[in-house]
N, C-alpha and C. Protein backbone atom coordinates (compact mmCIF):
# COMPACT_ATOMS: atom_id res chain seq x y z
N MET A 1 12.63 -21.74 -19.51
CA MET A 1 11.89 -21.93 -18.35
C MET A 1 10.90 -23.23 -18.68
N GLU A 2 10.67 -23.61 -19.91
CA GLU A 2 9.69 -24.79 -20.18
C GLU A 2 10.45 -26.06 -20.12
N SER A 3 11.76 -25.90 -19.84
CA SER A 3 12.19 -27.12 -19.78
C SER A 3 12.69 -27.95 -18.21
N GLY A 4 12.58 -27.11 -17.38
CA GLY A 4 12.32 -27.13 -15.84
C GLY A 4 13.96 -26.78 -15.40
N VAL A 5 14.36 -25.97 -16.11
CA VAL A 5 15.81 -25.53 -15.28
C VAL A 5 15.89 -24.59 -14.39
N ASP A 6 16.65 -24.37 -13.45
CA ASP A 6 16.45 -23.83 -12.14
C ASP A 6 16.85 -22.37 -12.44
N ARG A 7 17.73 -22.04 -13.47
CA ARG A 7 18.09 -20.55 -13.78
C ARG A 7 18.12 -20.42 -15.37
N VAL A 8 18.23 -18.71 -15.51
CA VAL A 8 18.44 -18.57 -17.37
C VAL A 8 19.78 -18.11 -17.56
N SER A 9 20.36 -18.96 -18.30
CA SER A 9 21.89 -18.20 -18.65
C SER A 9 21.70 -17.81 -20.17
N ILE A 10 22.39 -16.75 -20.30
CA ILE A 10 22.46 -16.30 -21.98
C ILE A 10 23.19 -17.29 -22.62
N LEU A 11 24.09 -18.00 -22.51
CA LEU A 11 24.68 -19.04 -23.29
C LEU A 11 23.84 -20.29 -23.44
N ASP A 12 22.54 -20.84 -22.32
CA ASP A 12 21.77 -21.62 -22.88
C ASP A 12 20.61 -21.15 -23.65
N VAL A 13 20.28 -20.10 -23.59
CA VAL A 13 19.48 -19.24 -24.48
C VAL A 13 19.84 -19.31 -25.79
N CYS A 14 21.24 -18.76 -25.93
CA CYS A 14 21.93 -19.20 -27.60
C CYS A 14 21.71 -20.58 -28.03
N LYS A 15 22.19 -21.36 -27.09
CA LYS A 15 22.29 -23.03 -27.44
C LYS A 15 20.78 -23.28 -27.86
N VAL A 16 19.95 -23.03 -27.09
CA VAL A 16 18.41 -23.68 -27.48
C VAL A 16 17.83 -22.92 -28.57
N ALA A 17 18.42 -21.73 -28.90
CA ALA A 17 17.79 -20.93 -30.25
C ALA A 17 18.67 -21.14 -31.36
N GLY A 18 19.93 -21.57 -31.12
CA GLY A 18 20.76 -21.96 -32.14
C GLY A 18 21.40 -20.55 -32.87
N ILE A 19 21.67 -19.81 -31.86
CA ILE A 19 22.56 -18.50 -32.35
C ILE A 19 23.75 -18.30 -31.82
N SER A 20 24.58 -17.42 -32.19
CA SER A 20 25.82 -16.76 -31.17
C SER A 20 25.32 -16.05 -30.08
N ARG A 21 26.14 -15.85 -29.28
CA ARG A 21 26.31 -14.34 -28.27
C ARG A 21 26.09 -13.50 -29.17
N GLY A 22 26.92 -13.39 -30.06
CA GLY A 22 26.84 -11.80 -30.72
C GLY A 22 25.29 -11.68 -31.37
N THR A 23 24.85 -12.59 -31.78
CA THR A 23 23.21 -12.57 -32.61
C THR A 23 22.39 -12.09 -31.62
N PHE A 24 22.58 -12.63 -30.20
CA PHE A 24 21.74 -12.40 -29.03
C PHE A 24 21.89 -11.07 -28.67
N TYR A 25 23.01 -10.54 -28.53
CA TYR A 25 23.01 -9.08 -28.23
C TYR A 25 22.67 -8.31 -29.41
N ARG A 26 23.00 -8.31 -30.62
CA ARG A 26 22.06 -7.77 -31.44
C ARG A 26 20.85 -7.38 -31.10
N TYR A 27 20.12 -8.08 -30.54
CA TYR A 27 18.57 -8.16 -30.36
C TYR A 27 18.40 -7.94 -28.59
N PHE A 28 18.99 -8.15 -27.78
CA PHE A 28 18.84 -7.76 -26.58
C PHE A 28 20.09 -7.47 -25.92
N SER A 29 20.05 -6.40 -25.13
CA SER A 29 21.23 -6.04 -24.34
C SER A 29 21.81 -6.62 -23.13
N SER A 30 20.91 -7.10 -22.77
CA SER A 30 21.28 -7.87 -21.49
C SER A 30 20.00 -8.99 -21.02
N GLN A 31 20.33 -10.12 -20.04
CA GLN A 31 19.57 -10.78 -19.80
C GLN A 31 18.04 -10.36 -19.30
N ASP A 32 18.00 -9.05 -18.59
CA ASP A 32 16.75 -8.54 -18.24
C ASP A 32 15.89 -7.99 -19.27
N GLU A 33 16.56 -7.77 -20.15
CA GLU A 33 15.60 -6.90 -21.50
C GLU A 33 15.22 -8.65 -22.17
N LEU A 34 15.87 -9.66 -22.37
CA LEU A 34 15.29 -10.89 -22.96
C LEU A 34 13.95 -11.32 -22.12
N LEU A 35 14.06 -11.16 -20.68
CA LEU A 35 13.43 -11.38 -19.70
C LEU A 35 11.87 -10.64 -19.98
N ASP A 36 12.54 -8.96 -19.98
CA ASP A 36 11.25 -8.02 -20.40
C ASP A 36 10.40 -8.53 -21.39
N ALA A 37 11.02 -9.04 -22.62
CA ALA A 37 10.23 -9.32 -24.01
C ALA A 37 9.85 -10.62 -23.64
N PHE A 38 9.99 -11.43 -22.93
CA PHE A 38 9.47 -12.82 -22.59
C PHE A 38 8.42 -12.61 -22.09
N SER A 39 8.39 -11.89 -20.78
CA SER A 39 7.46 -11.36 -19.70
C SER A 39 6.32 -10.75 -20.42
N ARG A 40 6.66 -9.81 -21.25
CA ARG A 40 5.77 -8.81 -21.95
C ARG A 40 4.56 -9.97 -22.78
N HIS A 41 5.18 -10.70 -23.35
CA HIS A 41 4.76 -11.92 -24.47
C HIS A 41 3.70 -12.70 -23.66
N LYS A 42 4.12 -13.30 -22.47
CA LYS A 42 3.63 -13.83 -21.52
C LYS A 42 2.34 -13.41 -21.24
N ARG A 43 2.39 -12.04 -20.67
CA ARG A 43 1.36 -11.42 -20.00
C ARG A 43 0.55 -10.94 -21.06
N ASP A 44 0.76 -10.60 -22.28
CA ASP A 44 -0.37 -10.21 -23.37
C ASP A 44 -0.80 -11.38 -23.75
N ASN A 45 -0.37 -12.31 -23.90
CA ASN A 45 -1.19 -13.82 -23.94
C ASN A 45 -2.26 -14.06 -22.82
N PHE A 46 -1.63 -13.63 -21.72
CA PHE A 46 -2.43 -14.12 -20.60
C PHE A 46 -3.91 -13.24 -20.60
N HIS A 47 -3.58 -11.88 -20.94
CA HIS A 47 -4.72 -11.12 -20.82
C HIS A 47 -5.99 -11.26 -22.11
N GLN A 48 -5.02 -11.43 -23.32
CA GLN A 48 -5.67 -11.82 -24.66
C GLN A 48 -6.46 -12.98 -24.13
N SER A 49 -6.13 -14.21 -23.39
CA SER A 49 -6.80 -15.53 -23.39
C SER A 49 -7.80 -15.03 -22.61
N LEU A 50 -7.69 -14.20 -21.12
CA LEU A 50 -8.52 -14.02 -20.55
C LEU A 50 -9.77 -13.50 -21.27
N SER A 51 -9.48 -12.10 -21.87
CA SER A 51 -10.44 -11.69 -22.73
C SER A 51 -11.26 -12.42 -23.71
N SER A 52 -10.85 -13.55 -24.27
CA SER A 52 -11.16 -14.60 -24.90
C SER A 52 -12.44 -15.38 -24.30
N ALA A 53 -11.94 -15.76 -23.16
CA ALA A 53 -12.48 -16.70 -22.10
C ALA A 53 -13.81 -15.90 -21.66
N LEU A 54 -13.70 -14.81 -21.43
CA LEU A 54 -15.09 -14.14 -20.55
C LEU A 54 -15.94 -13.55 -21.97
N ALA A 55 -15.17 -13.48 -23.17
CA ALA A 55 -16.28 -12.82 -24.42
C ALA A 55 -17.32 -13.65 -24.48
N PRO A 56 -17.52 -14.71 -24.28
CA PRO A 56 -18.81 -15.62 -24.55
C PRO A 56 -20.00 -15.31 -24.06
N TYR A 57 -19.67 -14.85 -22.68
CA TYR A 57 -20.58 -14.79 -21.57
C TYR A 57 -21.11 -13.11 -21.48
N ASP A 58 -22.63 -13.18 -21.50
CA ASP A 58 -23.13 -12.03 -21.28
C ASP A 58 -23.77 -11.63 -20.08
N ASP A 59 -23.96 -12.89 -19.54
CA ASP A 59 -24.63 -13.07 -18.12
C ASP A 59 -23.19 -12.42 -17.16
N PRO A 60 -23.17 -11.87 -16.24
CA PRO A 60 -22.14 -11.26 -15.47
C PRO A 60 -21.86 -12.39 -14.56
N ASP A 61 -22.71 -13.22 -13.95
CA ASP A 61 -22.27 -14.06 -13.14
C ASP A 61 -21.64 -15.27 -13.81
N GLU A 62 -22.25 -15.42 -15.26
CA GLU A 62 -21.56 -16.72 -15.88
C GLU A 62 -19.82 -15.90 -16.06
N LYS A 63 -20.11 -14.66 -16.63
CA LYS A 63 -18.72 -14.22 -16.86
C LYS A 63 -17.61 -14.18 -15.52
N PHE A 64 -18.15 -13.95 -14.53
CA PHE A 64 -17.25 -14.16 -13.26
C PHE A 64 -17.09 -15.40 -13.18
N ASP A 65 -17.88 -16.55 -13.25
CA ASP A 65 -17.40 -17.89 -13.13
C ASP A 65 -16.38 -18.02 -14.06
N ALA A 66 -16.38 -17.55 -15.30
CA ALA A 66 -15.46 -17.94 -16.43
C ALA A 66 -14.21 -17.46 -15.89
N LEU A 67 -14.10 -16.01 -15.22
CA LEU A 67 -13.14 -15.56 -14.88
C LEU A 67 -12.26 -16.29 -13.86
N ILE A 68 -13.03 -17.10 -12.89
CA ILE A 68 -12.49 -18.04 -12.02
C ILE A 68 -11.95 -19.40 -12.37
N ARG A 69 -12.73 -19.81 -13.68
CA ARG A 69 -12.11 -20.92 -14.17
C ARG A 69 -10.66 -20.73 -14.92
N TYR A 70 -10.72 -19.56 -15.57
CA TYR A 70 -9.45 -19.20 -16.05
C TYR A 70 -8.33 -19.23 -15.16
N PHE A 71 -8.58 -18.34 -14.07
CA PHE A 71 -7.84 -17.99 -13.29
C PHE A 71 -7.01 -19.83 -12.56
N ASP A 72 -8.00 -20.59 -12.35
CA ASP A 72 -7.54 -21.77 -11.89
C ASP A 72 -6.66 -22.34 -12.93
N GLU A 73 -7.08 -22.61 -14.22
CA GLU A 73 -6.40 -23.01 -15.08
C GLU A 73 -4.66 -22.53 -15.55
N TYR A 74 -5.02 -21.08 -15.21
CA TYR A 74 -3.63 -20.19 -15.37
C TYR A 74 -2.72 -20.71 -14.09
N LEU A 75 -3.39 -20.98 -12.96
CA LEU A 75 -2.50 -21.53 -11.73
C LEU A 75 -2.09 -22.64 -11.92
N GLN A 76 -2.83 -23.45 -12.51
CA GLN A 76 -2.35 -25.15 -12.54
C GLN A 76 -1.14 -24.98 -13.81
N LEU A 77 -1.08 -23.91 -14.48
CA LEU A 77 0.43 -23.89 -15.40
C LEU A 77 1.27 -23.58 -14.78
N GLY A 78 1.17 -22.58 -13.77
CA GLY A 78 2.37 -22.39 -13.06
C GLY A 78 3.89 -21.73 -13.75
N SER A 79 3.18 -20.86 -15.13
CA SER A 79 3.94 -20.04 -15.78
C SER A 79 4.53 -18.93 -14.80
N ALA A 80 3.83 -18.22 -14.32
CA ALA A 80 4.65 -16.96 -13.51
C ALA A 80 5.67 -17.54 -12.38
N ARG A 81 5.12 -18.95 -11.70
CA ARG A 81 5.84 -19.54 -10.81
C ARG A 81 7.23 -20.04 -11.23
N LYS A 82 7.19 -20.28 -12.64
CA LYS A 82 8.61 -20.82 -13.16
C LYS A 82 9.46 -19.62 -13.11
N LEU A 83 8.86 -18.64 -13.89
CA LEU A 83 9.80 -17.19 -13.97
C LEU A 83 10.50 -16.54 -12.64
N LEU A 84 9.57 -17.06 -11.44
CA LEU A 84 9.94 -16.64 -10.16
C LEU A 84 10.77 -17.60 -9.64
N LEU A 85 10.89 -18.69 -9.91
CA LEU A 85 11.89 -19.65 -9.40
C LEU A 85 13.29 -19.60 -10.19
N VAL A 86 13.16 -19.18 -11.43
CA VAL A 86 14.75 -19.08 -12.28
C VAL A 86 14.84 -17.59 -12.31
N ALA A 87 14.51 -16.97 -12.08
CA ALA A 87 15.01 -15.37 -11.79
C ALA A 87 14.21 -14.59 -10.91
N PRO A 88 14.47 -14.83 -9.63
CA PRO A 88 13.39 -14.43 -8.73
C PRO A 88 13.68 -12.98 -8.48
N ASP A 89 14.68 -12.06 -8.36
CA ASP A 89 14.69 -10.94 -8.51
C ASP A 89 13.99 -9.94 -9.61
N TYR A 90 14.16 -10.64 -10.65
CA TYR A 90 13.54 -10.02 -11.84
C TYR A 90 12.38 -10.15 -11.69
N ALA A 91 11.62 -11.57 -11.27
CA ALA A 91 10.22 -11.66 -11.16
C ALA A 91 9.61 -10.78 -10.17
N MET A 92 10.19 -10.46 -9.20
CA MET A 92 9.40 -9.85 -8.20
C MET A 92 9.53 -8.31 -8.52
N GLY A 93 10.45 -7.83 -9.11
CA GLY A 93 10.56 -6.44 -10.08
C GLY A 93 9.32 -6.25 -10.79
N TRP A 94 9.49 -7.20 -12.20
CA TRP A 94 8.29 -7.40 -12.95
C TRP A 94 6.89 -7.48 -12.19
N PHE A 95 6.57 -8.13 -11.11
CA PHE A 95 5.35 -8.34 -10.47
C PHE A 95 4.86 -6.84 -9.98
N LEU A 96 5.49 -6.22 -9.52
CA LEU A 96 5.52 -4.88 -9.02
C LEU A 96 5.35 -3.55 -10.20
N ARG A 97 6.15 -3.87 -11.16
CA ARG A 97 5.93 -2.89 -12.37
C ARG A 97 4.70 -3.18 -12.91
N ILE A 98 3.90 -4.42 -13.14
CA ILE A 98 2.62 -4.35 -13.80
C ILE A 98 1.43 -4.48 -12.86
N PHE A 99 2.00 -4.45 -11.78
CA PHE A 99 0.48 -4.50 -10.55
C PHE A 99 -0.46 -3.34 -10.95
N HIS A 100 -0.43 -1.91 -10.96
CA HIS A 100 -1.10 -1.20 -11.33
C HIS A 100 -1.78 -1.40 -12.69
N ASP A 101 -1.19 -1.76 -13.80
CA ASP A 101 -1.70 -1.95 -15.18
C ASP A 101 -2.62 -3.14 -15.03
N SER A 102 -2.29 -4.15 -14.24
CA SER A 102 -3.34 -5.23 -14.16
C SER A 102 -4.62 -4.87 -13.50
N ILE A 103 -4.53 -4.11 -12.60
CA ILE A 103 -5.57 -3.65 -11.85
C ILE A 103 -6.60 -3.14 -12.89
N ALA A 104 -5.99 -2.02 -13.74
CA ALA A 104 -6.80 -1.29 -14.79
C ALA A 104 -6.98 -2.27 -16.11
N ARG A 105 -6.28 -3.28 -16.23
CA ARG A 105 -7.00 -4.38 -16.93
C ARG A 105 -8.19 -5.11 -16.58
N PHE A 106 -8.21 -5.46 -15.44
CA PHE A 106 -8.96 -6.26 -14.74
C PHE A 106 -10.40 -5.32 -14.50
N LEU A 107 -10.53 -3.82 -14.36
CA LEU A 107 -11.49 -3.37 -14.32
C LEU A 107 -12.21 -3.22 -15.35
N THR A 108 -11.37 -3.31 -16.48
CA THR A 108 -11.94 -3.27 -17.84
C THR A 108 -12.90 -4.38 -18.25
N ASP A 109 -11.79 -5.67 -17.81
CA ASP A 109 -12.61 -6.94 -18.27
C ASP A 109 -13.60 -7.21 -17.25
N LEU A 110 -13.99 -6.56 -16.10
CA LEU A 110 -14.82 -7.10 -15.26
C LEU A 110 -15.52 -5.96 -15.21
N SER A 111 -16.06 -4.78 -15.96
CA SER A 111 -16.90 -3.90 -15.72
C SER A 111 -18.32 -4.19 -15.75
N VAL A 112 -18.95 -5.35 -16.60
CA VAL A 112 -20.24 -5.52 -16.96
C VAL A 112 -20.44 -6.32 -15.41
N VAL A 113 -19.42 -6.89 -14.97
CA VAL A 113 -19.74 -7.72 -13.42
C VAL A 113 -19.91 -6.93 -12.56
N PHE A 114 -19.21 -5.76 -12.38
CA PHE A 114 -19.46 -4.59 -11.51
C PHE A 114 -20.79 -4.01 -11.58
N ASP A 115 -21.08 -3.76 -12.81
CA ASP A 115 -22.10 -2.89 -12.95
C ASP A 115 -23.49 -3.78 -12.36
N ALA A 116 -23.29 -5.06 -12.73
CA ALA A 116 -24.61 -5.76 -12.08
C ALA A 116 -24.40 -6.24 -10.28
N TRP A 117 -23.34 -6.02 -9.97
CA TRP A 117 -23.12 -6.16 -8.77
C TRP A 117 -23.59 -4.78 -7.69
N ASP A 118 -23.36 -3.90 -8.65
CA ASP A 118 -23.67 -2.57 -7.87
C ASP A 118 -25.35 -2.44 -8.09
N GLU A 119 -25.65 -3.26 -9.18
CA GLU A 119 -27.30 -2.82 -9.23
C GLU A 119 -27.83 -3.48 -8.21
N ARG A 120 -27.41 -4.91 -8.21
CA ARG A 120 -28.04 -5.98 -7.05
C ARG A 120 -27.76 -5.05 -5.56
N LEU A 121 -26.67 -4.64 -5.33
CA LEU A 121 -26.52 -4.05 -3.84
C LEU A 121 -26.94 -2.47 -3.72
N GLU A 122 -27.63 -2.02 -4.97
CA GLU A 122 -27.95 -0.43 -4.77
C GLU A 122 -26.81 0.23 -4.10
N ALA A 123 -25.65 0.24 -4.40
CA ALA A 123 -24.50 0.71 -3.96
C ALA A 123 -23.55 0.49 -4.86
N ALA A 124 -22.39 1.30 -4.53
CA ALA A 124 -21.21 1.18 -5.64
C ALA A 124 -20.07 0.70 -4.65
N LEU A 125 -19.72 -0.60 -5.13
CA LEU A 125 -18.63 -1.37 -4.83
C LEU A 125 -17.40 -0.85 -5.40
N ASP A 126 -16.08 -0.97 -4.08
CA ASP A 126 -14.78 -0.36 -4.53
C ASP A 126 -14.09 -1.64 -5.80
N ARG A 127 -14.45 -1.03 -6.85
CA ARG A 127 -13.97 -1.96 -8.17
C ARG A 127 -12.23 -2.20 -7.98
N GLU A 128 -11.88 -1.20 -7.72
CA GLU A 128 -10.18 -1.14 -7.90
C GLU A 128 -9.80 -1.89 -6.61
N LEU A 129 -10.60 -1.99 -5.68
CA LEU A 129 -10.01 -2.72 -4.33
C LEU A 129 -10.26 -4.26 -4.54
N ILE A 130 -11.28 -4.44 -5.17
CA ILE A 130 -11.47 -6.18 -5.46
C ILE A 130 -10.79 -6.48 -6.44
N CYS A 131 -10.26 -5.92 -7.77
CA CYS A 131 -9.39 -6.26 -8.81
C CYS A 131 -8.01 -6.23 -7.99
N GLU A 132 -7.64 -5.50 -7.06
CA GLU A 132 -6.27 -5.46 -6.31
C GLU A 132 -6.31 -6.73 -5.44
N LEU A 133 -7.49 -7.17 -4.67
CA LEU A 133 -7.46 -8.44 -4.09
C LEU A 133 -7.26 -9.37 -4.94
N ILE A 134 -7.92 -9.73 -6.33
CA ILE A 134 -7.67 -10.56 -7.41
C ILE A 134 -6.09 -10.82 -7.48
N ILE A 135 -5.66 -9.55 -7.84
CA ILE A 135 -4.41 -9.85 -8.43
C ILE A 135 -3.42 -9.90 -7.05
N ARG A 136 -3.45 -9.82 -5.97
CA ARG A 136 -2.98 -10.13 -4.72
C ARG A 136 -3.20 -11.49 -4.55
N TYR A 137 -4.06 -12.28 -4.79
CA TYR A 137 -4.44 -13.47 -4.62
C TYR A 137 -3.63 -14.33 -5.81
N ILE A 138 -3.37 -13.76 -6.95
CA ILE A 138 -2.91 -14.56 -7.94
C ILE A 138 -1.24 -14.50 -7.75
N LEU A 139 -0.86 -13.46 -7.12
CA LEU A 139 0.51 -13.32 -6.90
C LEU A 139 0.79 -14.25 -5.58
N SER A 140 0.28 -14.27 -4.61
CA SER A 140 0.48 -15.33 -3.40
C SER A 140 0.40 -16.59 -3.85
N GLU A 141 -0.40 -17.01 -4.75
CA GLU A 141 -0.32 -18.36 -5.47
C GLU A 141 0.82 -18.78 -5.94
N GLN A 142 1.61 -17.73 -6.62
CA GLN A 142 2.79 -17.66 -7.22
C GLN A 142 3.96 -18.22 -6.02
N LEU A 143 3.92 -17.39 -4.92
CA LEU A 143 4.61 -17.57 -3.79
C LEU A 143 4.22 -18.72 -3.04
N VAL A 144 3.28 -18.89 -2.64
CA VAL A 144 2.58 -20.08 -1.78
C VAL A 144 1.86 -20.67 -2.40
N PRO A 145 1.95 -21.73 -3.44
CA PRO A 145 0.95 -22.62 -4.07
C PRO A 145 0.10 -23.19 -2.95
N SER A 146 -1.48 -23.21 -3.45
CA SER A 146 -2.14 -23.92 -2.86
C SER A 146 -2.19 -25.66 -3.56
N SER A 147 -2.93 -26.47 -2.85
CA SER A 147 -2.86 -27.49 -3.48
C SER A 147 -4.12 -28.14 -4.30
N LYS A 148 -3.96 -28.73 -5.20
CA LYS A 148 -5.00 -28.76 -6.47
C LYS A 148 -6.42 -28.65 -5.79
N GLN A 149 -6.66 -29.34 -4.61
CA GLN A 149 -7.90 -29.30 -3.89
C GLN A 149 -8.26 -28.14 -3.21
N ALA A 150 -7.40 -27.52 -2.76
CA ALA A 150 -7.84 -26.24 -2.23
C ALA A 150 -7.89 -25.29 -3.27
N ARG A 151 -7.34 -25.13 -4.49
CA ARG A 151 -7.75 -24.30 -5.62
C ARG A 151 -8.85 -24.56 -6.23
N LYS A 152 -9.09 -26.04 -6.14
CA LYS A 152 -10.40 -26.57 -6.54
C LYS A 152 -11.59 -25.79 -5.73
N ALA A 153 -11.60 -25.59 -4.64
CA ALA A 153 -12.50 -25.10 -3.63
C ALA A 153 -12.81 -23.39 -3.80
N LEU A 154 -11.55 -22.72 -4.63
CA LEU A 154 -11.42 -21.26 -4.74
C LEU A 154 -12.81 -20.54 -5.38
N PRO A 155 -13.76 -21.31 -6.20
CA PRO A 155 -14.55 -20.69 -6.55
C PRO A 155 -15.87 -20.68 -5.37
N ILE A 156 -15.95 -21.72 -4.66
CA ILE A 156 -16.92 -21.55 -3.57
C ILE A 156 -16.62 -20.55 -2.50
N LYS A 157 -15.00 -20.55 -2.00
CA LYS A 157 -14.68 -19.46 -1.44
C LYS A 157 -15.04 -18.22 -1.79
N ILE A 158 -14.72 -17.66 -2.88
CA ILE A 158 -15.20 -16.33 -3.90
C ILE A 158 -16.34 -16.25 -3.57
N LYS A 159 -17.39 -17.26 -4.14
CA LYS A 159 -18.83 -16.71 -3.98
C LYS A 159 -18.86 -16.51 -2.46
N ARG A 160 -18.29 -17.37 -1.32
CA ARG A 160 -18.74 -16.90 -0.11
C ARG A 160 -18.50 -15.48 0.37
N LEU A 161 -17.39 -14.90 -0.18
CA LEU A 161 -16.83 -13.61 0.25
C LEU A 161 -17.70 -12.87 -0.22
N LEU A 162 -18.02 -13.09 -1.54
CA LEU A 162 -18.87 -12.11 -2.05
C LEU A 162 -20.42 -12.11 -1.72
N GLN A 163 -20.93 -12.97 -1.10
CA GLN A 163 -22.54 -12.87 -0.35
C GLN A 163 -22.36 -12.45 0.82
N VAL A 164 -20.73 -12.42 1.63
CA VAL A 164 -20.55 -11.36 2.81
C VAL A 164 -20.44 -10.26 2.38
N ILE A 165 -20.05 -10.08 1.01
CA ILE A 165 -19.89 -8.37 0.92
C ILE A 165 -21.07 -7.85 0.28
N ILE A 166 -21.99 -8.59 -0.22
CA ILE A 166 -23.23 -8.32 -0.73
C ILE A 166 -24.10 -8.02 0.52
N LYS A 167 -24.25 -8.75 1.20
CA LYS A 167 -24.89 -8.75 2.54
C LYS A 167 -24.61 -7.72 3.38
N ALA A 168 -23.29 -7.02 3.38
CA ALA A 168 -22.78 -6.37 4.48
C ALA A 168 -23.43 -4.98 4.38
N PRO A 169 -23.73 -4.46 5.53
CA PRO A 169 -24.24 -3.14 5.36
C PRO A 169 -23.57 -1.93 4.84
């Protein structure tokens, strides 16, 4: 997927890896199994990198700003979009399978931010809904990418949205 191919074939994978098809099938029973392993690896890296990007910040607002910066960088790379292009059926199924776990991970990563917002509002926000909206935004960027300029405006748009939520009765 790194080389700009428009599909994945087992033969191409074997050539790039310098292995025979027999060796490939010793480790993976199918192309989907290979894509599962690859996707798990990329997803684990995504969440580890996100946690590392958020870790230096104790201030909830700085932590949230770091989250937005991380998403912007992630979306610029377009890794998930590449998977969607080379294996669309697989990618759509994968996004569906990881959706609820992603919500749980974001709930954990953003717990300090949500605590601060709840305290400011003197009310409990629907944390799960906010995480779901974040994930849906990321997925929508995979399908219909924003321009670089529009994506750069994302932090301002999110802050405006949060201000509306915070001011709402």
